[in-house]
């Protein structure tokens, strides 16, 4: 009888240990799934960061090129305006000369 009670006690302890083992195994599986999800999220974050960084560099490069193009266009406009200003100055000078001559002949 004592042996039977002892065996029953051991069987009960083994069942309890087995239940704990099963729970521990389930917890480990859940943690592994969570770890995979976190790794996947981290990978996605890293890829998004790289894409954003690459896009930022491309945008910066495009803006720099656009800025150079705009600077060249501004320089062209400035040159054209300078040329027009010189022409207008020449015209003004000629008009002044003409007015001076006209004034001279009118009153002399």
PDB file of N, CA and C in Angstrom:
ATOM      1  N   UNK A   1       0.800  -1.185   0.000  1.00  0.00           N
ATOM      2  CA  UNK A   1       0.000   0.000   0.000  1.00  0.00           C
ATOM      3  C   UNK A   1       0.850   1.258   0.000  1.00  0.00           C
ATOM      4  N   UNK A   2       1.902   1.258   0.802  1.00  0.00           N
ATOM      5  CA  UNK A   2       2.772   2.434   0.842  1.00  0.00           C
ATOM      6  C   UNK A   2       3.407   2.656  -0.524  1.00  0.00           C
ATOM      7  N   UNK A   3       3.782   1.566  -1.166  1.00  0.00           N
ATOM      8  CA  UNK A   3       4.397   1.703  -2.489  1.00  0.00           C
ATOM      9  C   UNK A   3       3.395   2.277  -3.477  1.00  0.00           C
ATOM     10  N   UNK A   4       2.155   1.847  -3.374  1.00  0.00           N
ATOM     11  CA  UNK A   4       1.125   2.342  -4.274  1.00  0.00           C
ATOM     12  C   UNK A   4       0.878   3.836  -4.036  1.00  0.00           C
ATOM     13  N   UNK A   5       0.839   4.259  -2.790  1.00  0.00           N
ATOM     14  CA  UNK A   5       0.655   5.676  -2.457  1.00  0.00           C
ATOM     15  C   UNK A   5       1.850   6.482  -2.937  1.00  0.00           C
ATOM     16  N   UNK A   6       3.041   5.886  -2.756  1.00  0.00           N
ATOM     17  CA  UNK A   6       4.259   6.576  -3.206  1.00  0.00           C
ATOM     18  C   UNK A   6       4.238   6.712  -4.726  1.00  0.00           C
ATOM     19  N   UNK A   7       3.836   5.647  -5.413  1.00  0.00           N
ATOM     20  CA  UNK A   7       3.761   5.702  -6.874  1.00  0.00           C
ATOM     21  C   UNK A   7       2.710   6.728  -7.322  1.00  0.00           C
ATOM     22  N   UNK A   8       1.586   6.759  -6.624  1.00  0.00           N
ATOM     23  CA  UNK A   8       0.531   7.723  -6.938  1.00  0.00           C
ATOM     24  C   UNK A   8       1.044   9.142  -6.746  1.00  0.00           C
ATOM     25  N   UNK A   9       1.779   9.374  -5.676  1.00  0.00           N
ATOM     26  CA  UNK A   9       2.351  10.694  -5.402  1.00  0.00           C
ATOM     27  C   UNK A   9       3.336  11.083  -6.501  1.00  0.00           C
ATOM     28  N   UNK A  10       4.167  10.130  -6.896  1.00  0.00           N
ATOM     29  CA  UNK A  10       5.153  10.404  -7.955  1.00  0.00           C
ATOM     30  C   UNK A  10       4.444  10.676  -9.282  1.00  0.00           C
ATOM     31  N   UNK A  11       3.390   9.898  -9.570  1.00  0.00           N
ATOM     32  CA  UNK A  11       2.636  10.110 -10.805  1.00  0.00           C
ATOM     33  C   UNK A  11       2.002  11.503 -10.792  1.00  0.00           C
ATOM     34  N   UNK A  12       1.468  11.906  -9.674  1.00  0.00           N
ATOM     35  CA  UNK A  12       0.857  13.224  -9.538  1.00  0.00           C
ATOM     36  C   UNK A  12       1.898  14.327  -9.754  1.00  0.00           C
ATOM     37  N   UNK A  13       3.071  14.144  -9.154  1.00  0.00           N
ATOM     38  CA  UNK A  13       4.159  15.123  -9.331  1.00  0.00           C
ATOM     39  C   UNK A  13       4.599  15.174 -10.786  1.00  0.00           C
ATOM     40  N   UNK A  14       4.685  14.012 -11.444  1.00  0.00           N
ATOM     41  CA  UNK A  14       5.073  13.971 -12.858  1.00  0.00           C
ATOM     42  C   UNK A  14       4.035  14.679 -13.728  1.00  0.00           C
ATOM     43  N   UNK A  15       2.760  14.474 -13.435  1.00  0.00           N
ATOM     44  CA  UNK A  15       1.711  15.160 -14.190  1.00  0.00           C
ATOM     45  C   UNK A  15       1.820  16.677 -14.008  1.00  0.00           C
ATOM     46  N   UNK A  16       2.071  17.088 -12.763  1.00  0.00           N
ATOM     47  CA  UNK A  16       2.232  18.516 -12.489  1.00  0.00           C
ATOM     48  C   UNK A  16       3.435  19.067 -13.250  1.00  0.00           C
ATOM     49  N   UNK A  17       4.547  18.341 -13.201  1.00  0.00           N
ATOM     50  CA  UNK A  17       5.745  18.767 -13.937  1.00  0.00           C
ATOM     51  C   UNK A  17       5.471  18.801 -15.439  1.00  0.00           C
ATOM     52  N   UNK A  18       4.750  17.812 -15.916  1.00  0.00           N
ATOM     53  CA  UNK A  18       4.424  17.750 -17.337  1.00  0.00           C
ATOM     54  C   UNK A  18       3.560  18.952 -17.735  1.00  0.00           C
ATOM     55  N   UNK A  19       2.567  19.295 -16.899  1.00  0.00           N
ATOM     56  CA  UNK A  19       1.725  20.463 -17.172  1.00  0.00           C
ATOM     57  C   UNK A  19       2.568  21.738 -17.192  1.00  0.00           C
ATOM     58  N   UNK A  20       3.483  21.857 -16.224  1.00  0.00           N
ATOM     59  CA  UNK A  20       4.374  23.025 -16.194  1.00  0.00           C
ATOM     60  C   UNK A  20       5.263  23.053 -17.439  1.00  0.00           C
ATOM     61  N   UNK A  21       5.743  21.894 -17.837  1.00  0.00           N
ATOM     62  CA  UNK A  21       6.591  21.820 -19.035  1.00  0.00           C
ATOM     63  C   UNK A  21       5.810  22.245 -20.268  1.00  0.00           C
ATOM     64  N   UNK A  22       4.572  21.758 -20.361  1.00  0.00           N
ATOM     65  CA  UNK A  22       3.739  22.133 -21.508  1.00  0.00           C
ATOM     66  C   UNK A  22       3.491  23.640 -21.507  1.00  0.00           C
ATOM     67  N   UNK A  23       3.159  24.207 -20.342  1.00  0.00           N
ATOM     68  CA  UNK A  23       2.950  25.658 -20.247  1.00  0.00           C
ATOM     69  C   UNK A  23       4.228  26.413 -20.612  1.00  0.00           C
ATOM     70  N   UNK A  24       5.357  25.930 -20.093  1.00  0.00           N
ATOM     71  CA  UNK A  24       6.640  26.579 -20.414  1.00  0.00           C
ATOM     72  C   UNK A  24       6.920  26.500 -21.912  1.00  0.00           C
ATOM     73  N   UNK A  25       6.630  25.377 -22.525  1.00  0.00           N
ATOM     74  CA  UNK A  25       6.843  25.208 -23.959  1.00  0.00           C
ATOM     75  C   UNK A  25       5.948  26.186 -24.733  1.00  0.00           C
ATOM     76  N   UNK A  26       4.679  26.310 -24.306  1.00  0.00           N
ATOM     77  CA  UNK A  26       3.762  27.244 -24.960  1.00  0.00           C
ATOM     78  C   UNK A  26       4.249  28.685 -24.808  1.00  0.00           C
ATOM     79  N   UNK A  27       4.740  29.010 -23.622  1.00  0.00           N
ATOM     80  CA  UNK A  27       5.279  30.358 -23.398  1.00  0.00           C
ATOM     81  C   UNK A  27       6.482  30.597 -24.299  1.00  0.00           C
ATOM     82  N   UNK A  28       7.357  29.598 -24.405  1.00  0.00           N
ATOM     83  CA  UNK A  28       8.537  29.727 -25.273  1.00  0.00           C
ATOM     84  C   UNK A  28       8.100  29.931 -26.715  1.00  0.00           C
ATOM     85  N   UNK A  29       7.101  29.172 -27.174  1.00  0.00           N
ATOM     86  CA  UNK A  29       6.602  29.339 -28.543  1.00  0.00           C
ATOM     87  C   UNK A  29       6.056  30.749 -28.759  1.00  0.00           C
ATOM     88  N   UNK A  30       5.275  31.245 -27.792  1.00  0.00           N
ATOM     89  CA  UNK A  30       4.731  32.602 -27.900  1.00  0.00           C
ATOM     90  C   UNK A  30       5.847  33.641 -27.950  1.00  0.00           C
ATOM     91  N   UNK A  31       6.843  33.454 -27.094  1.00  0.00           N
ATOM     92  CA  UNK A  31       7.966  34.400 -27.080  1.00  0.00           C
ATOM     93  C   UNK A  31       8.748  34.346 -28.389  1.00  0.00           C
ATOM     94  N   UNK A  32       8.905  33.144 -28.948  1.00  0.00           N
ATOM     95  CA  UNK A  32       9.606  33.025 -30.230  1.00  0.00           C
ATOM     96  C   UNK A  32       8.826  33.729 -31.340  1.00  0.00           C
ATOM     97  N   UNK A  33       7.496  33.572 -31.321  1.00  0.00           N
ATOM     98  CA  UNK A  33       6.671  34.270 -32.317  1.00  0.00           C
ATOM     99  C   UNK A  33       6.773  35.786 -32.151  1.00  0.00           C
ATOM    100  N   UNK A  34       6.734  36.242 -30.903  1.00  0.00           N
ATOM    101  CA  UNK A  34       6.875  37.678 -30.649  1.00  0.00           C
ATOM    102  C   UNK A  34       8.238  38.177 -31.112  1.00  0.00           C
ATOM    103  N   UNK A  35       9.270  37.373 -30.869  1.00  0.00           N
ATOM    104  CA  UNK A  35      10.614  37.745 -31.301  1.00  0.00           C
ATOM    105  C   UNK A  35      10.679  37.852 -32.820  1.00  0.00           C
ATOM    106  N   UNK A  36      10.078  36.877 -33.526  1.00  0.00           N
ATOM    107  CA  UNK A  36      10.055  36.931 -34.994  1.00  0.00           C
ATOM    108  C   UNK A  36       9.320  38.173 -35.478  1.00  0.00           C
ATOM    109  N   UNK A  37       8.181  38.475 -34.829  1.00  0.00           N
ATOM    110  CA  UNK A  37       7.430  39.680 -35.202  1.00  0.00           C
ATOM    111  C   UNK A  37       8.266  40.936 -34.980  1.00  0.00           C
ATOM    112  N   UNK A  38       8.943  40.991 -33.844  1.00  0.00           N
ATOM    113  CA  UNK A  38       9.775  42.161 -33.543  1.00  0.00           C
ATOM    114  C   UNK A  38      10.930  42.269 -34.533  1.00  0.00           C
ATOM    115  N   UNK A  39      11.535  41.128 -34.886  1.00  0.00           N
ATOM    116  CA  UNK A  39      12.626  41.158 -35.860  1.00  0.00           C
ATOM    117  C   UNK A  39      12.113  41.625 -37.216  1.00  0.00           C
ATOM    118  N   UNK A  40      10.921  41.151 -37.578  1.00  0.00           N
ATOM    119  CA  UNK A  40      10.317  41.571 -38.837  1.00  0.00           C
ATOM    120  C   UNK A  40      10.030  43.073 -38.823  1.00  0.00           C
ATOM    121  N   UNK A  41       9.496  43.559 -37.708  1.00  0.00           N
ATOM    122  CA  UNK A  41       9.228  44.995 -37.585  1.00  0.00           C
ATOM    123  C   UNK A  41      10.523  45.800 -37.640  1.00  0.00           C
ATOM    124  N   UNK A  42      11.559  45.309 -36.955  1.00  0.00           N
ATOM    125  CA  UNK A  42      12.851  46.004 -36.985  1.00  0.00           C
ATOM    126  C   UNK A  42      13.420  46.029 -38.394  1.00  0.00           C
ATOM    127  N   UNK A  43      13.268  44.917 -39.114  1.00  0.00           N
ATOM    128  CA  UNK A  43      13.747  44.853 -40.495  1.00  0.00           C
ATOM    129  C   UNK A  43      12.993  45.870 -41.351  1.00  0.00           C
ATOM    130  N   UNK A  44      11.677  45.941 -41.162  1.00  0.00           N
ATOM    131  CA  UNK A  44      10.868  46.894 -41.921  1.00  0.00           C
ATOM    132  C   UNK A  44      11.265  48.328 -41.586  1.00  0.00           C
ATOM    133  N   UNK A  45      11.500  48.586 -40.309  1.00  0.00           N
ATOM    134  CA  UNK A  45      11.923  49.930 -39.891  1.00  0.00           C
ATOM    135  C   UNK A  45      13.268  50.276 -40.524  1.00  0.00           C
ATOM    136  N   UNK A  46      14.191  49.314 -40.526  1.00  0.00           N
ATOM    137  CA  UNK A  46      15.512  49.551 -41.122  1.00  0.00           C
ATOM    138  C   UNK A  46      15.384  49.822 -42.621  1.00  0.00           C
ATOM    139  N   UNK A  47      14.539  49.042 -43.308  1.00  0.00           N
ATOM    140  CA  UNK A  47      14.339  49.262 -44.745  1.00  0.00           C
ATOM    141  C   UNK A  47      13.688  50.616 -45.002  1.00  0.00           C
ATOM    142  N   UNK A  48      12.690  50.958 -44.183  1.00  0.00           N
ATOM    143  CA  UNK A  48      12.045  52.267 -44.330  1.00  0.00           C
ATOM    144  C   UNK A  48      13.044  53.395 -44.099  1.00  0.00           C
ATOM    145  N   UNK A  49      13.887  53.237 -43.090  1.00  0.00           N
ATOM    146  CA  UNK A  49      14.904  54.252 -42.800  1.00  0.00           C
ATOM    147  C   UNK A  49      15.850  54.407 -43.989  1.00  0.00           C
ATOM    148  N   UNK A  50      16.305  53.261 -44.535  1.00  0.00           N
ATOM    149  CA  UNK A  50      17.216  53.320 -45.679  1.00  0.00           C
ATOM    150  C   UNK A  50      16.541  53.979 -46.874  1.00  0.00           C
ATOM    151  N   UNK A  51      15.277  53.615 -47.119  1.00  0.00           N
ATOM    152  CA  UNK A  51      14.554  54.222 -48.236  1.00  0.00           C
ATOM    153  C   UNK A  51      14.369  55.721 -48.026  1.00  0.00           C
ATOM    154  N   UNK A  52      13.994  56.103 -46.810  1.00  0.00           N
ATOM    155  CA  UNK A  52      13.829  57.532 -46.519  1.00  0.00           C
ATOM    156  C   UNK A  52      15.145  58.279 -46.672  1.00  0.00           C
ATOM    157  N   UNK A  53      16.226  57.678 -46.191  1.00  0.00           N
ATOM    158  CA  UNK A  53      17.539  58.309 -46.303  1.00  0.00           C
ATOM    159  C   UNK A  53      17.923  58.461 -47.775  1.00  0.00           C
ATOM    160  N   UNK A  54      17.715  57.386 -48.556  1.00  0.00           N
ATOM    161  CA  UNK A  54      18.031  57.416 -49.984  1.00  0.00           C
ATOM    162  C   UNK A  54      17.180  58.468 -50.688  1.00  0.00           C
ATOM    163  N   UNK A  55      15.882  58.503 -50.353  1.00  0.00           N
ATOM    164  CA  UNK A  55      14.995  59.494 -50.967  1.00  0.00           C
ATOM    165  C   UNK A  55      15.401  60.916 -50.593  1.00  0.00           C
ATOM    166  N   UNK A  56      15.813  61.097 -49.344  1.00  0.00           N
ATOM    167  CA  UNK A  56      16.265  62.419 -48.907  1.00  0.00           C
ATOM    168  C   UNK A  56      17.508  62.844 -49.684  1.00  0.00           C
ATOM    169  N   UNK A  57      18.447  61.905 -49.847  1.00  0.00           N
ATOM    170  CA  UNK A  57      19.652  62.225 -50.621  1.00  0.00           C
ATOM    171  C   UNK A  57      19.304  62.554 -52.066  1.00  0.00           C
ATOM    172  N   UNK A  58      18.397  61.759 -52.650  1.00  0.00           N
ATOM    173  CA  UNK A  58      17.984  62.022 -54.029  1.00  0.00           C
ATOM    174  C   UNK A  58      17.301  63.377 -54.144  1.00  0.00           C
ATOM    175  N   UNK A  59      16.446  63.690 -53.172  1.00  0.00           N
ATOM    176  CA  UNK A  59      15.755  64.976 -53.183  1.00  0.00           C
ATOM    177  C   UNK A  59      16.755  66.117 -53.038  1.00  0.00           C
ATOM    178  N   UNK A  60      17.724  65.938 -52.136  1.00  0.00           N
ATOM    179  CA  UNK A  60      18.755  66.958 -51.952  1.00  0.00           C
ATOM    180  C   UNK A  60      19.535  67.162 -53.243  1.00  0.00           C
ATOM    181  N   UNK A  61      19.891  66.045 -53.885  1.00  0.00           N
ATOM    182  CA  UNK A  61      20.633  66.119 -55.141  1.00  0.00           C
ATOM    183  C   UNK A  61      19.800  66.822 -56.210  1.00  0.00           C
ATOM    184  N   UNK A  62      18.518  66.468 -56.290  1.00  0.00           N
ATOM    185  CA  UNK A  62      17.629  67.106 -57.268  1.00  0.00           C
ATOM    186  C   UNK A  62      17.496  68.594 -56.981  1.00  0.00           C
ATOM    187  N   UNK A  63      17.335  68.928 -55.702  1.00  0.00           N
ATOM    188  CA  UNK A  63      17.217  70.341 -55.333  1.00  0.00           C
ATOM    189  C   UNK A  63      18.486  71.100 -55.675  1.00  0.00           C
ATOM    190  N   UNK A  64      19.638  70.440 -55.456  1.00  0.00           N
ATOM    191  CA  UNK A  64      20.914  71.084 -55.760  1.00  0.00           C
ATOM    192  C   UNK A  64      21.025  71.333 -57.263  1.00  0.00           C
ATOM    193  N   UNK A  65      20.627  70.312 -58.066  1.00  0.00           N
ATOM    194  CA  UNK A  65      20.660  70.472 -59.522  1.00  0.00           C
ATOM    195  C   UNK A  65      19.691  71.563 -59.948  1.00  0.00           C
ATOM    196  N   UNK A  66      18.495  71.541 -59.354  1.00  0.00           N
ATOM    197  CA  UNK A  66      17.499  72.555 -59.677  1.00  0.00           C
ATOM    198  C   UNK A  66      18.015  73.938 -59.304  1.00  0.00           C
ATOM    199  N   UNK A  67      18.677  74.019 -58.160  1.00  0.00           N
ATOM    200  CA  UNK A  67      19.233  75.291 -57.720  1.00  0.00           C
ATOM    201  C   UNK A  67      20.286  75.786 -58.711  1.00  0.00           C
ATOM    202  N   UNK A  68      21.129  74.858 -59.204  1.00  0.00           N
ATOM    203  CA  UNK A  68      22.146  75.258 -60.188  1.00  0.00           C
ATOM    204  C   UNK A  68      21.483  75.742 -61.470  1.00  0.00           C
ATOM    205  N   UNK A  69      20.436  75.022 -61.900  1.00  0.00           N
ATOM    206  CA  UNK A  69      19.715  75.434 -63.102  1.00  0.00           C
ATOM    207  C   UNK A  69      19.099  76.810 -62.881  1.00  0.00           C
ATOM    208  N   UNK A  70      18.483  77.000 -61.722  1.00  0.00           N
ATOM    209  CA  UNK A  70      17.870  78.292 -61.420  1.00  0.00           C
ATOM    210  C   UNK A  70      18.930  79.386 -61.346  1.00  0.00           C
ATOM    211  N   UNK A  71      20.090  79.064 -60.761  1.00  0.00           N
ATOM    212  CA  UNK A  71      21.177  80.044 -60.702  1.00  0.00           C
ATOM    213  C   UNK A  71      21.627  80.420 -62.110  1.00  0.00           C
ATOM    214  N   UNK A  72      21.748  79.427 -62.989  1.00  0.00           N
ATOM    215  CA  UNK A  72      22.138  79.706 -64.371  1.00  0.00           C
ATOM    216  C   UNK A  72      21.089  80.571 -65.062  1.00  0.00           C
ATOM    217  N   UNK A  73      19.817  80.250 -64.822  1.00  0.00           N
ATOM    218  CA  UNK A  73      18.746  81.056 -65.411  1.00  0.00           C
ATOM    219  C   UNK A  73      18.784  82.480 -64.864  1.00  0.00           C
ATOM    220  N   UNK A  74      19.033  82.619 -63.577  1.00  0.00           N
ATOM    221  CA  UNK A  74      19.129  83.955 -62.977  1.00  0.00           C
ATOM    222  C   UNK A  74      20.285  84.727 -63.596  1.00  0.00           C
ATOM    223  N   UNK A  75      21.430  84.049 -63.756  1.00  0.00           N
ATOM    224  CA  UNK A  75      22.583  84.706 -64.373  1.00  0.00           C
ATOM    225  C   UNK A  75      22.244  85.169 -65.782  1.00  0.00           C
ATOM    226  N   UNK A  76      21.525  84.328 -66.521  1.00  0.00           N
ATOM    227  CA  UNK A  76      21.136  84.693 -67.881  1.00  0.00           C
ATOM    228  C   UNK A  76      20.229  85.922 -67.874  1.00  0.00           C
ATOM    229  N   UNK A  77      19.257  85.917 -66.977  1.00  0.00           N
ATOM    230  CA  UNK A  77      18.336  87.053 -66.882  1.00  0.00           C
ATOM    231  C   UNK A  77      19.104  88.317 -66.505  1.00  0.00           C
ATOM    232  N   UNK A  78      20.037  88.194 -65.571  1.00  0.00           N
ATOM    233  CA  UNK A  78      20.843  89.348 -65.157  1.00  0.00           C
ATOM    234  C   UNK A  78      21.652  89.874 -66.335  1.00  0.00           C
ATOM    235  N   UNK A  79      22.246  88.975 -67.114  1.00  0.00           N
ATOM    236  CA  UNK A  79      23.020  89.400 -68.284  1.00  0.00           C
ATOM    237  C   UNK A  79      22.126  90.111 -69.300  1.00  0.00           C
ATOM    238  N   UNK A  80      20.938  89.541 -69.519  1.00  0.00           N
ATOM    239  CA  UNK A  80      20.008  90.173 -70.461  1.00  0.00           C
ATOM    240  C   UNK A  80      19.586  91.558 -69.963  1.00  0.00           C
ATOM    241  N   UNK A  81      19.301  91.648 -68.670  1.00  0.00           N
ATOM    242  CA  UNK A  81      18.908  92.947 -68.115  1.00  0.00           C
ATOM    243  C   UNK A  81      20.052  93.951 -68.186  1.00  0.00           C
ATOM    244  N   UNK A  82      21.272  93.500 -67.928  1.00  0.00           N
ATOM    245  CA  UNK A  82      22.437  94.387 -68.056  1.00  0.00           C
ATOM    246  C   UNK A  82      22.587  94.872 -69.487  1.00  0.00           C
ATOM    247  N   UNK A  83      22.387  93.960 -70.416  1.00  0.00           N
ATOM    248  CA  UNK A  83      22.484  94.334 -71.825  1.00  0.00           C
ATOM    249  C   UNK A  83      21.413  95.366 -72.181  1.00  0.00           C
ATOM    250  N   UNK A  84      20.182  95.119 -71.715  1.00  0.00           N
ATOM    251  CA  UNK A  84      19.099  96.074 -71.968  1.00  0.00           C
ATOM    252  C   UNK A  84      19.387  97.421 -71.306  1.00  0.00           C
ATOM    253  N   UNK A  85      19.956  97.375 -70.104  1.00  0.00           N
ATOM    254  CA  UNK A  85      20.293  98.610 -69.402  1.00  0.00           C
ATOM    255  C   UNK A  85      21.340  99.408 -70.188  1.00  0.00           C
ATOM    256  N   UNK A  86      22.339  98.723 -70.717  1.00  0.00           N
ATOM    257  CA  UNK A  86      23.359  99.408 -71.519  1.00  0.00           C
ATOM    258  C   UNK A  86      22.733 100.056 -72.746  1.00  0.00           C
ATOM    259  N   UNK A  87      21.825  99.309 -73.390  1.00  0.00           N
ATOM    260  CA  UNK A  87      21.155  99.864 -74.569  1.00  0.00           C
ATOM    261  C   UNK A  87      20.345 101.109 -74.198  1.00  0.00           C
ATOM    262  N   UNK A  88      19.625 101.024 -73.095  1.00  0.00           N
ATOM    263  CA  UNK A  88      18.822 102.172 -72.656  1.00  0.00           C
ATOM    264  C   UNK A  88      19.722 103.357 -72.300  1.00  0.00           C
ATOM    265  N   UNK A  89      20.853 103.083 -71.668  1.00  0.00           N
ATOM    266  CA  UNK A  89      21.795 104.157 -71.341  1.00  0.00           C
ATOM    267  C   UNK A  89      22.311 104.820 -72.610  1.00  0.00           C
ATOM    268  N   UNK A  90      22.595 103.989 -73.602  1.00  0.00           N
ATOM    269  CA  UNK A  90      23.052 104.548 -74.892  1.00  0.00           C
ATOM    270  C   UNK A  90      21.963 105.426 -75.508  1.00  0.00           C
ATOM    271  N   UNK A  91      20.729 104.898 -75.482  1.00  0.00           N
ATOM    272  CA  UNK A  91      19.609 105.676 -76.032  1.00  0.00           C
ATOM    273  C   UNK A  91      19.445 106.995 -75.273  1.00  0.00           C
ATOM    274  N   UNK A  92      19.541 106.911 -73.950  1.00  0.00           N
ATOM    275  CA  UNK A  92      19.425 108.135 -73.145  1.00  0.00           C
ATOM    276  C   UNK A  92      20.536 109.117 -73.479  1.00  0.00           C
ATOM    277  N   UNK A  93      21.726 108.613 -73.633  1.00  0.00           N
ATOM    278  CA  UNK A  93      22.850 109.481 -73.974  1.00  0.00           C
ATOM    279  C   UNK A  93      22.624 110.139 -75.343  1.00  0.00           C
ATOM    280  N   UNK A  94      22.142 109.341 -76.289  1.00  0.00           N
ATOM    281  CA  UNK A  94      21.862 109.902 -77.614  1.00  0.00           C
ATOM    282  C   UNK A  94      20.749 110.949 -77.547  1.00  0.00           C
ATOM    283  N   UNK A  95      19.725 110.648 -76.745  1.00  0.00           N
ATOM    284  CA  UNK A  95      18.638 111.621 -76.599  1.00  0.00           C
ATOM    285  C   UNK A  95      19.128 112.910 -75.946  1.00  0.00           C
ATOM    286  N   UNK A  96      19.993 112.781 -74.955  1.00  0.00           N
ATOM    287  CA  UNK A  96      20.555 113.976 -74.317  1.00  0.00           C
ATOM    288  C   UNK A  96      21.333 114.805 -75.338  1.00  0.00           C
ATOM    289  N   UNK A  97      22.143 114.093 -76.112  1.00  0.00           N
ATOM    290  CA  UNK A  97      22.902 114.808 -77.150  1.00  0.00           C
ATOM    291  C   UNK A  97      21.956 115.495 -78.134  1.00  0.00           C
ATOM    292  N   UNK A  98      20.947 114.775 -78.545  1.00  0.00           N
ATOM    293  CA  UNK A  98      19.982 115.335 -79.490  1.00  0.00           C
ATOM    294  C   UNK A  98      19.274 116.554 -78.892  1.00  0.00           C
ATOM    295  N   UNK A  99      18.868 116.423 -77.626  1.00  0.00           N
ATOM    296  CA  UNK A  99      18.200 117.550 -76.969  1.00  0.00           C
ATOM    297  C   UNK A  99      19.142 118.745 -76.823  1.00  0.00           C
ATOM    298  N   UNK A 100      20.377 118.454 -76.515  1.00  0.00           N
ATOM    299  CA  UNK A 100      21.351 119.548 -76.394  1.00  0.00           C
ATOM    300  C   UNK A 100      21.527 120.258 -77.726  1.00  0.00           C
ATOM    301  N   UNK A 101      21.633 119.473 -78.768  1.00  0.00           N
ATOM    302  CA  UNK A 101      21.806 120.071 -80.100  1.00  0.00           C
ATOM    303  C   UNK A 101      20.549 120.846 -80.491  1.00  0.00           C
ATOM    304  N   UNK A 102      19.392 120.218 -80.241  1.00  0.00           N
ATOM    305  CA  UNK A 102      18.116 120.890 -80.569  1.00  0.00           C
ATOM    306  C   UNK A 102      17.979 122.186 -79.782  1.00  0.00           C
ATOM    307  N   UNK A 103      18.301 122.162 -78.545  1.00  0.00           N
ATOM    308  CA  UNK A 103      18.217 123.343 -77.702  1.00  0.00           C
ATOM    309  C   UNK A 103      19.165 124.422 -78.228  1.00  0.00           C
ATOM    310  N   UNK A 104      20.342 124.013 -78.616  1.00  0.00           N
ATOM    311  CA  UNK A 104      21.328 124.957 -79.127  1.00  0.00           C
ATOM    312  C   UNK A 104      20.812 125.643 -80.386  1.00  0.00           C
ATOM    313  N   UNK A 105      20.277 124.851 -81.316  1.00  0.00           N
ATOM    314  CA  UNK A 105      19.800 125.431 -82.562  1.00  0.00           C
ATOM    315  C   UNK A 105      18.511 126.223 -82.377  1.00  0.00           C
ATOM    316  N   UNK A 106      17.762 125.870 -81.443  1.00  0.00           N
ATOM    317  CA  UNK A 106      16.501 126.562 -81.213  1.00  0.00           C
ATOM    318  C   UNK A 106      16.734 127.971 -80.683  1.00  0.00           C
ATOM    319  N   UNK A 107      17.698 128.071 -79.799  1.00  0.00           N
ATOM    320  CA  UNK A 107      17.920 129.375 -79.186  1.00  0.00           C
ATOM    321  C   UNK A 107      19.089 130.130 -79.796  1.00  0.00           C
ATOM    322  N   UNK A 108      19.707 129.593 -80.777  1.00  0.00           N
ATOM    323  CA  UNK A 108      20.806 130.328 -81.407  1.00  0.00           C
ATOM    324  C   UNK A 108      20.511 130.665 -82.824  1.00  0.00           C
TER     325      UNK A 108
END
